[in-house]
């Protein structure tokens, strides 16, 4: 398979460190939120998960709904949709505490874009991922895909290679939308970035997000997830 060469230079950022779970205080039983996926879900660019996507999304959701959120991260930097399906979906539940998610947020596609995964194959992989999440959890849990970013206005360390990745992210994001449209209780939330991305929202590698970027993204996703969270609370 053709693949873009690895990013050059000394900047190779690690996944977020620290606890992969946490709870925000709110009324009623907390929404159990799983954040599943690749480097975006793994918090590359942040020091801890509390500064990364899950840790920023949970308090934003609580602020909007008043409901507490029990969050857990199941992610690996560099994971493709297929490796998420095979290696990470089995970790969505915690047999020791009997924790199981009420809602699964999925952030995937960056590694697939770097490998130039064909759109048809990618769409098939994503459909299988939705199927396996439901099989693992035993019911039709809502699955929300975080839309892939359009970073056209961001200057990067490797402009030519990254321009290709950015264009491919747009193409694969269309496949995420298509899968969401064809599956029950499956949703796609656009990234929702402004026309020009603030430099403070990007990590040192100028590709992944910084804690400020995760905060902005978490608030955008929270606005889309809040109605689903409230429906889940009513139905529970």
C-alpha atoms as a PDB file:
ATOM      1  CA  UNK A   1       0.000   0.000   0.000  1.00  0.00           C
ATOM      2  CA  UNK A   2       1.276   3.467  -0.853  1.00  0.00           C
ATOM      3  CA  UNK A   3       1.871   5.611   2.210  1.00  0.00           C
ATOM      4  CA  UNK A   4       3.176   9.096   2.771  1.00  0.00           C
ATOM      5  CA  UNK A   5       6.659   9.167   4.308  1.00  0.00           C
ATOM      6  CA  UNK A   6       6.863   9.765   8.055  1.00  0.00           C
ATOM      7  CA  UNK A   7       6.922  13.378   9.153  1.00  0.00           C
ATOM      8  CA  UNK A   8      10.513  14.608   9.309  1.00  0.00           C
ATOM      9  CA  UNK A   9      12.128  16.637  12.053  1.00  0.00           C
ATOM     10  CA  UNK A  10      12.553  16.203  15.812  1.00  0.00           C
ATOM     11  CA  UNK A  11       8.935  16.845  16.755  1.00  0.00           C
ATOM     12  CA  UNK A  12       7.162  13.576  17.417  1.00  0.00           C
ATOM     13  CA  UNK A  13       4.654  14.226  20.162  1.00  0.00           C
ATOM     14  CA  UNK A  14       3.483  11.639  22.683  1.00  0.00           C
ATOM     15  CA  UNK A  15      -0.015  10.687  23.711  1.00  0.00           C
ATOM     16  CA  UNK A  16      -1.529  12.435  26.715  1.00  0.00           C
ATOM     17  CA  UNK A  17      -0.395  11.023  30.043  1.00  0.00           C
ATOM     18  CA  UNK A  18      -2.222  10.416  33.324  1.00  0.00           C
ATOM     19  CA  UNK A  19      -5.595   8.871  34.087  1.00  0.00           C
ATOM     20  CA  UNK A  20      -7.606   7.705  31.087  1.00  0.00           C
ATOM     21  CA  UNK A  21     -10.864   8.256  32.975  1.00  0.00           C
ATOM     22  CA  UNK A  22     -12.533  10.921  35.057  1.00  0.00           C
ATOM     23  CA  UNK A  23     -15.868  12.255  36.317  1.00  0.00           C
ATOM     24  CA  UNK A  24     -17.486  15.693  36.327  1.00  0.00           C
ATOM     25  CA  UNK A  25     -20.047  16.526  39.000  1.00  0.00           C
ATOM     26  CA  UNK A  26     -23.631  17.142  37.966  1.00  0.00           C
ATOM     27  CA  UNK A  27     -27.209  16.148  38.662  1.00  0.00           C
ATOM     28  CA  UNK A  28     -28.545  12.638  38.201  1.00  0.00           C
ATOM     29  CA  UNK A  29     -26.560   9.567  37.175  1.00  0.00           C
ATOM     30  CA  UNK A  30     -23.534  10.609  35.094  1.00  0.00           C
ATOM     31  CA  UNK A  31     -23.512  10.063  31.353  1.00  0.00           C
ATOM     32  CA  UNK A  32     -20.958   7.350  30.637  1.00  0.00           C
ATOM     33  CA  UNK A  33     -18.956   8.661  27.673  1.00  0.00           C
ATOM     34  CA  UNK A  34     -16.320   6.615  25.825  1.00  0.00           C
ATOM     35  CA  UNK A  35     -13.839   8.475  23.604  1.00  0.00           C
ATOM     36  CA  UNK A  36     -12.498   5.996  21.073  1.00  0.00           C
ATOM     37  CA  UNK A  37      -9.982   6.414  18.278  1.00  0.00           C
ATOM     38  CA  UNK A  38      -6.611   7.634  17.076  1.00  0.00           C
ATOM     39  CA  UNK A  39      -4.174  10.419  17.995  1.00  0.00           C
ATOM     40  CA  UNK A  40      -6.956  13.003  18.406  1.00  0.00           C
ATOM     41  CA  UNK A  41      -8.716  10.786  20.952  1.00  0.00           C
ATOM     42  CA  UNK A  42      -5.365   9.834  22.539  1.00  0.00           C
ATOM     43  CA  UNK A  43      -4.647  13.506  23.249  1.00  0.00           C
ATOM     44  CA  UNK A  44      -1.431  13.912  21.268  1.00  0.00           C
ATOM     45  CA  UNK A  45      -0.344  17.507  21.870  1.00  0.00           C
ATOM     46  CA  UNK A  46      -1.566  17.648  25.484  1.00  0.00           C
ATOM     47  CA  UNK A  47       0.297  16.604  28.618  1.00  0.00           C
ATOM     48  CA  UNK A  48      -2.669  14.890  30.294  1.00  0.00           C
ATOM     49  CA  UNK A  49      -6.085  13.606  29.291  1.00  0.00           C
ATOM     50  CA  UNK A  50      -7.692  16.303  31.415  1.00  0.00           C
ATOM     51  CA  UNK A  51      -6.165  18.808  28.970  1.00  0.00           C
ATOM     52  CA  UNK A  52      -7.025  16.674  25.939  1.00  0.00           C
ATOM     53  CA  UNK A  53     -10.276  15.906  24.124  1.00  0.00           C
ATOM     54  CA  UNK A  54     -12.106  13.777  26.714  1.00  0.00           C
ATOM     55  CA  UNK A  55     -11.082  15.923  29.668  1.00  0.00           C
ATOM     56  CA  UNK A  56     -12.179  19.120  27.896  1.00  0.00           C
ATOM     57  CA  UNK A  57     -15.374  17.710  26.387  1.00  0.00           C
ATOM     58  CA  UNK A  58     -16.780  16.332  29.654  1.00  0.00           C
ATOM     59  CA  UNK A  59     -16.956  19.650  31.587  1.00  0.00           C
ATOM     60  CA  UNK A  60     -18.282  21.400  28.491  1.00  0.00           C
ATOM     61  CA  UNK A  61     -21.093  18.827  28.323  1.00  0.00           C
ATOM     62  CA  UNK A  62     -21.832  19.233  32.024  1.00  0.00           C
ATOM     63  CA  UNK A  63     -21.961  23.017  31.631  1.00  0.00           C
ATOM     64  CA  UNK A  64     -24.551  22.655  28.861  1.00  0.00           C
ATOM     65  CA  UNK A  65     -26.724  19.901  30.347  1.00  0.00           C
ATOM     66  CA  UNK A  66     -26.094  20.048  34.091  1.00  0.00           C
ATOM     67  CA  UNK A  67     -25.503  16.291  33.955  1.00  0.00           C
ATOM     68  CA  UNK A  68     -22.345  14.706  35.298  1.00  0.00           C
ATOM     69  CA  UNK A  69     -20.105  12.867  32.848  1.00  0.00           C
ATOM     70  CA  UNK A  70     -18.065   9.733  33.530  1.00  0.00           C
ATOM     71  CA  UNK A  71     -15.513   9.587  30.714  1.00  0.00           C
ATOM     72  CA  UNK A  72     -12.986   7.020  29.582  1.00  0.00           C
ATOM     73  CA  UNK A  73     -10.436   7.085  26.764  1.00  0.00           C
ATOM     74  CA  UNK A  74      -9.717   4.065  24.582  1.00  0.00           C
ATOM     75  CA  UNK A  75      -7.302   5.295  21.939  1.00  0.00           C
ATOM     76  CA  UNK A  76      -3.908   4.849  20.316  1.00  0.00           C
ATOM     77  CA  UNK A  77      -1.876   7.302  18.289  1.00  0.00           C
ATOM     78  CA  UNK A  78      -1.474   6.156  14.699  1.00  0.00           C
ATOM     79  CA  UNK A  79      -4.450   3.786  14.827  1.00  0.00           C
ATOM     80  CA  UNK A  80      -6.402   3.276  11.620  1.00  0.00           C
ATOM     81  CA  UNK A  81     -10.130   2.538  11.671  1.00  0.00           C
ATOM     82  CA  UNK A  82      -9.382  -1.144  11.174  1.00  0.00           C
ATOM     83  CA  UNK A  83      -6.868  -1.283  14.050  1.00  0.00           C
ATOM     84  CA  UNK A  84      -9.334   0.591  16.284  1.00  0.00           C
ATOM     85  CA  UNK A  85     -11.980  -1.998  15.422  1.00  0.00           C
ATOM     86  CA  UNK A  86      -9.732  -4.987  16.025  1.00  0.00           C
ATOM     87  CA  UNK A  87      -7.639  -3.782  18.945  1.00  0.00           C
ATOM     88  CA  UNK A  88      -9.551  -1.097  20.837  1.00  0.00           C
ATOM     89  CA  UNK A  89     -13.269  -1.904  20.644  1.00  0.00           C
ATOM     90  CA  UNK A  90     -12.792  -4.887  23.035  1.00  0.00           C
ATOM     91  CA  UNK A  91     -11.526  -2.355  25.623  1.00  0.00           C
ATOM     92  CA  UNK A  92     -14.678  -0.203  25.559  1.00  0.00           C
ATOM     93  CA  UNK A  93     -16.014  -1.835  28.721  1.00  0.00           C
ATOM     94  CA  UNK A  94     -14.351  -2.270  32.107  1.00  0.00           C
ATOM     95  CA  UNK A  95     -15.129  -5.721  33.558  1.00  0.00           C
ATOM     96  CA  UNK A  96     -13.698  -4.779  36.978  1.00  0.00           C
ATOM     97  CA  UNK A  97     -16.101  -1.882  37.553  1.00  0.00           C
ATOM     98  CA  UNK A  98     -18.835  -3.020  35.097  1.00  0.00           C
ATOM     99  CA  UNK A  99     -18.467   0.380  33.395  1.00  0.00           C
ATOM    100  CA  UNK A 100     -20.073   0.443  29.961  1.00  0.00           C
ATOM    101  CA  UNK A 101     -20.680   3.552  27.842  1.00  0.00           C
ATOM    102  CA  UNK A 102     -24.032   5.213  27.196  1.00  0.00           C
ATOM    103  CA  UNK A 103     -22.518   7.039  24.215  1.00  0.00           C
ATOM    104  CA  UNK A 104     -19.374   6.502  22.140  1.00  0.00           C
ATOM    105  CA  UNK A 105     -17.520   9.413  20.539  1.00  0.00           C
ATOM    106  CA  UNK A 106     -15.241   8.186  17.752  1.00  0.00           C
ATOM    107  CA  UNK A 107     -12.302  10.197  16.411  1.00  0.00           C
ATOM    108  CA  UNK A 108     -10.705   8.361  13.485  1.00  0.00           C
ATOM    109  CA  UNK A 109      -9.333   9.018  10.012  1.00  0.00           C
ATOM    110  CA  UNK A 110      -6.009  10.794  10.480  1.00  0.00           C
ATOM    111  CA  UNK A 111      -3.900   7.635  10.146  1.00  0.00           C
ATOM    112  CA  UNK A 112      -6.095   6.422   7.279  1.00  0.00           C
ATOM    113  CA  UNK A 113      -5.541   9.738   5.488  1.00  0.00           C
ATOM    114  CA  UNK A 114      -1.780   9.438   5.891  1.00  0.00           C
ATOM    115  CA  UNK A 115      -1.960   5.936   4.390  1.00  0.00           C
ATOM    116  CA  UNK A 116      -4.249   7.221   1.599  1.00  0.00           C
ATOM    117  CA  UNK A 117      -6.820   4.556   2.428  1.00  0.00           C
ATOM    118  CA  UNK A 118      -9.289   4.316  -0.457  1.00  0.00           C
ATOM    119  CA  UNK A 119     -12.618   6.052   0.262  1.00  0.00           C
ATOM    120  CA  UNK A 120     -14.712   2.931  -0.466  1.00  0.00           C
ATOM    121  CA  UNK A 121     -12.516   0.750   1.751  1.00  0.00           C
ATOM    122  CA  UNK A 122     -12.518   3.427   4.470  1.00  0.00           C
ATOM    123  CA  UNK A 123     -16.318   3.651   4.387  1.00  0.00           C
ATOM    124  CA  UNK A 124     -16.520  -0.138   4.678  1.00  0.00           C
ATOM    125  CA  UNK A 125     -14.083  -0.086   7.631  1.00  0.00           C
ATOM    126  CA  UNK A 126     -16.156   2.573   9.399  1.00  0.00           C
ATOM    127  CA  UNK A 127     -19.378   0.618   8.883  1.00  0.00           C
ATOM    128  CA  UNK A 128     -17.758  -2.460  10.412  1.00  0.00           C
ATOM    129  CA  UNK A 129     -16.551  -0.355  13.329  1.00  0.00           C
ATOM    130  CA  UNK A 130     -20.107   0.788  14.099  1.00  0.00           C
ATOM    131  CA  UNK A 131     -21.312  -2.819  13.860  1.00  0.00           C
ATOM    132  CA  UNK A 132     -18.617  -4.117  16.206  1.00  0.00           C
ATOM    133  CA  UNK A 133     -19.209  -1.368  18.773  1.00  0.00           C
ATOM    134  CA  UNK A 134     -22.874  -2.411  18.977  1.00  0.00           C
ATOM    135  CA  UNK A 135     -21.955  -6.103  19.132  1.00  0.00           C
ATOM    136  CA  UNK A 136     -19.507  -5.428  21.942  1.00  0.00           C
ATOM    137  CA  UNK A 137     -21.958  -3.369  23.983  1.00  0.00           C
ATOM    138  CA  UNK A 138     -24.989  -5.521  23.222  1.00  0.00           C
ATOM    139  CA  UNK A 139     -27.341  -2.693  22.296  1.00  0.00           C
ATOM    140  CA  UNK A 140     -27.763   0.223  19.887  1.00  0.00           C
ATOM    141  CA  UNK A 141     -25.628   2.718  21.797  1.00  0.00           C
ATOM    142  CA  UNK A 142     -25.409   6.122  20.075  1.00  0.00           C
ATOM    143  CA  UNK A 143     -22.179   6.449  18.085  1.00  0.00           C
ATOM    144  CA  UNK A 144     -20.962   9.970  17.272  1.00  0.00           C
ATOM    145  CA  UNK A 145     -18.186  10.567  14.751  1.00  0.00           C
ATOM    146  CA  UNK A 146     -16.086  13.671  15.323  1.00  0.00           C
ATOM    147  CA  UNK A 147     -15.742  15.282  11.904  1.00  0.00           C
ATOM    148  CA  UNK A 148     -12.248  15.380  10.453  1.00  0.00           C
ATOM    149  CA  UNK A 149     -10.651  18.837  10.425  1.00  0.00           C
ATOM    150  CA  UNK A 150     -10.088  21.011   7.393  1.00  0.00           C
ATOM    151  CA  UNK A 151      -6.700  22.585   8.040  1.00  0.00           C
ATOM    152  CA  UNK A 152      -6.320  24.448   4.754  1.00  0.00           C
ATOM    153  CA  UNK A 153      -5.393  27.712   6.466  1.00  0.00           C
ATOM    154  CA  UNK A 154      -2.656  26.206   8.648  1.00  0.00           C
ATOM    155  CA  UNK A 155       0.990  26.393   7.681  1.00  0.00           C
ATOM    156  CA  UNK A 156       2.807  23.173   8.476  1.00  0.00           C
ATOM    157  CA  UNK A 157       6.368  21.917   8.730  1.00  0.00           C
ATOM    158  CA  UNK A 158       5.941  19.834   5.589  1.00  0.00           C
ATOM    159  CA  UNK A 159       3.656  21.911   3.363  1.00  0.00           C
ATOM    160  CA  UNK A 160       3.574  19.625   0.312  1.00  0.00           C
ATOM    161  CA  UNK A 161       2.953  16.349   2.155  1.00  0.00           C
ATOM    162  CA  UNK A 162       0.520  17.909   4.591  1.00  0.00           C
ATOM    163  CA  UNK A 163      -1.485  19.594   1.833  1.00  0.00           C
ATOM    164  CA  UNK A 164      -2.170  16.132   0.436  1.00  0.00           C
ATOM    165  CA  UNK A 165      -3.201  14.832   3.870  1.00  0.00           C
ATOM    166  CA  UNK A 166      -5.484  17.841   4.417  1.00  0.00           C
ATOM    167  CA  UNK A 167      -7.273  17.255   1.127  1.00  0.00           C
ATOM    168  CA  UNK A 168      -7.621  13.573   1.895  1.00  0.00           C
ATOM    169  CA  UNK A 169      -9.076  14.338   5.332  1.00  0.00           C
ATOM    170  CA  UNK A 170     -11.917  16.176   3.571  1.00  0.00           C
ATOM    171  CA  UNK A 171     -12.517  13.166   1.315  1.00  0.00           C
ATOM    172  CA  UNK A 172     -12.604  10.708   4.210  1.00  0.00           C
ATOM    173  CA  UNK A 173     -14.843  12.999   6.250  1.00  0.00           C
ATOM    174  CA  UNK A 174     -17.452  12.615   3.511  1.00  0.00           C
ATOM    175  CA  UNK A 175     -17.325   8.856   4.112  1.00  0.00           C
ATOM    176  CA  UNK A 176     -17.924   9.351   7.838  1.00  0.00           C
ATOM    177  CA  UNK A 177     -20.988  11.434   7.006  1.00  0.00           C
ATOM    178  CA  UNK A 178     -22.229   8.741   4.618  1.00  0.00           C
ATOM    179  CA  UNK A 179     -21.922   5.984   7.248  1.00  0.00           C
ATOM    180  CA  UNK A 180     -23.706   8.143   9.827  1.00  0.00           C
ATOM    181  CA  UNK A 181     -26.553   8.786   7.385  1.00  0.00           C
ATOM    182  CA  UNK A 182     -27.049   5.064   6.723  1.00  0.00           C
ATOM    183  CA  UNK A 183     -26.942   3.730  10.291  1.00  0.00           C
ATOM    184  CA  UNK A 184     -29.473   4.211  13.073  1.00  0.00           C
ATOM    185  CA  UNK A 185     -28.366   6.186  16.136  1.00  0.00           C
ATOM    186  CA  UNK A 186     -25.142   7.147  14.342  1.00  0.00           C
ATOM    187  CA  UNK A 187     -24.150  10.792  13.985  1.00  0.00           C
ATOM    188  CA  UNK A 188     -21.501  12.998  12.394  1.00  0.00           C
ATOM    189  CA  UNK A 189     -20.497  16.300  13.966  1.00  0.00           C
ATOM    190  CA  UNK A 190     -18.505  18.647  11.692  1.00  0.00           C
ATOM    191  CA  UNK A 191     -15.223  19.915  13.104  1.00  0.00           C
ATOM    192  CA  UNK A 192     -16.599  23.456  12.958  1.00  0.00           C
ATOM    193  CA  UNK A 193     -13.287  25.313  12.833  1.00  0.00           C
ATOM    194  CA  UNK A 194     -13.245  29.026  11.960  1.00  0.00           C
ATOM    195  CA  UNK A 195     -11.742  30.165   8.614  1.00  0.00           C
ATOM    196  CA  UNK A 196      -8.334  30.730  10.232  1.00  0.00           C
ATOM    197  CA  UNK A 197      -7.090  28.568  13.084  1.00  0.00           C
ATOM    198  CA  UNK A 198      -5.343  30.359  15.913  1.00  0.00           C
ATOM    199  CA  UNK A 199      -1.690  29.382  16.341  1.00  0.00           C
ATOM    200  CA  UNK A 200      -2.355  28.742  20.036  1.00  0.00           C
ATOM    201  CA  UNK A 201      -4.756  25.946  19.109  1.00  0.00           C
ATOM    202  CA  UNK A 202      -1.956  23.890  17.560  1.00  0.00           C
ATOM    203  CA  UNK A 203       0.715  21.827  19.291  1.00  0.00           C
ATOM    204  CA  UNK A 204       4.422  22.282  18.648  1.00  0.00           C
ATOM    205  CA  UNK A 205       4.312  20.020  15.579  1.00  0.00           C
ATOM    206  CA  UNK A 206       1.776  22.395  13.918  1.00  0.00           C
ATOM    207  CA  UNK A 207      -0.483  19.439  13.131  1.00  0.00           C
ATOM    208  CA  UNK A 208      -1.998  18.090  16.349  1.00  0.00           C
ATOM    209  CA  UNK A 209      -3.998  20.214  18.777  1.00  0.00           C
ATOM    210  CA  UNK A 210      -2.760  22.006  21.883  1.00  0.00           C
ATOM    211  CA  UNK A 211      -4.791  22.079  25.139  1.00  0.00           C
ATOM    212  CA  UNK A 212      -6.380  25.328  23.926  1.00  0.00           C
ATOM    213  CA  UNK A 213      -7.318  23.624  20.669  1.00  0.00           C
ATOM    214  CA  UNK A 214      -8.800  20.648  22.483  1.00  0.00           C
ATOM    215  CA  UNK A 215     -10.824  23.052  24.648  1.00  0.00           C
ATOM    216  CA  UNK A 216     -12.267  24.774  21.579  1.00  0.00           C
ATOM    217  CA  UNK A 217     -12.988  21.450  19.874  1.00  0.00           C
ATOM    218  CA  UNK A 218     -14.481  19.987  23.046  1.00  0.00           C
ATOM    219  CA  UNK A 219     -16.921  22.889  23.310  1.00  0.00           C
ATOM    220  CA  UNK A 220     -17.925  22.522  19.659  1.00  0.00           C
ATOM    221  CA  UNK A 221     -18.557  18.784  20.070  1.00  0.00           C
ATOM    222  CA  UNK A 222     -20.388  19.322  23.366  1.00  0.00           C
ATOM    223  CA  UNK A 223     -22.917  21.557  21.634  1.00  0.00           C
ATOM    224  CA  UNK A 224     -23.733  18.726  19.209  1.00  0.00           C
ATOM    225  CA  UNK A 225     -23.663  15.925  21.776  1.00  0.00           C
ATOM    226  CA  UNK A 226     -25.724  17.702  24.469  1.00  0.00           C
ATOM    227  CA  UNK A 227     -29.151  16.876  22.924  1.00  0.00           C
ATOM    228  CA  UNK A 228     -28.125  13.210  22.625  1.00  0.00           C
ATOM    229  CA  UNK A 229     -26.896  13.201  26.220  1.00  0.00           C
ATOM    230  CA  UNK A 230     -30.207  14.592  27.424  1.00  0.00           C
ATOM    231  CA  UNK A 231     -32.174  11.997  25.412  1.00  0.00           C
ATOM    232  CA  UNK A 232     -29.971   9.257  26.872  1.00  0.00           C
ATOM    233  CA  UNK A 233     -30.654  10.542  30.388  1.00  0.00           C
ATOM    234  CA  UNK A 234     -34.423  10.561  29.766  1.00  0.00           C
ATOM    235  CA  UNK A 235     -34.357   7.050  28.292  1.00  0.00           C
ATOM    236  CA  UNK A 236     -32.228   5.520  31.058  1.00  0.00           C
END
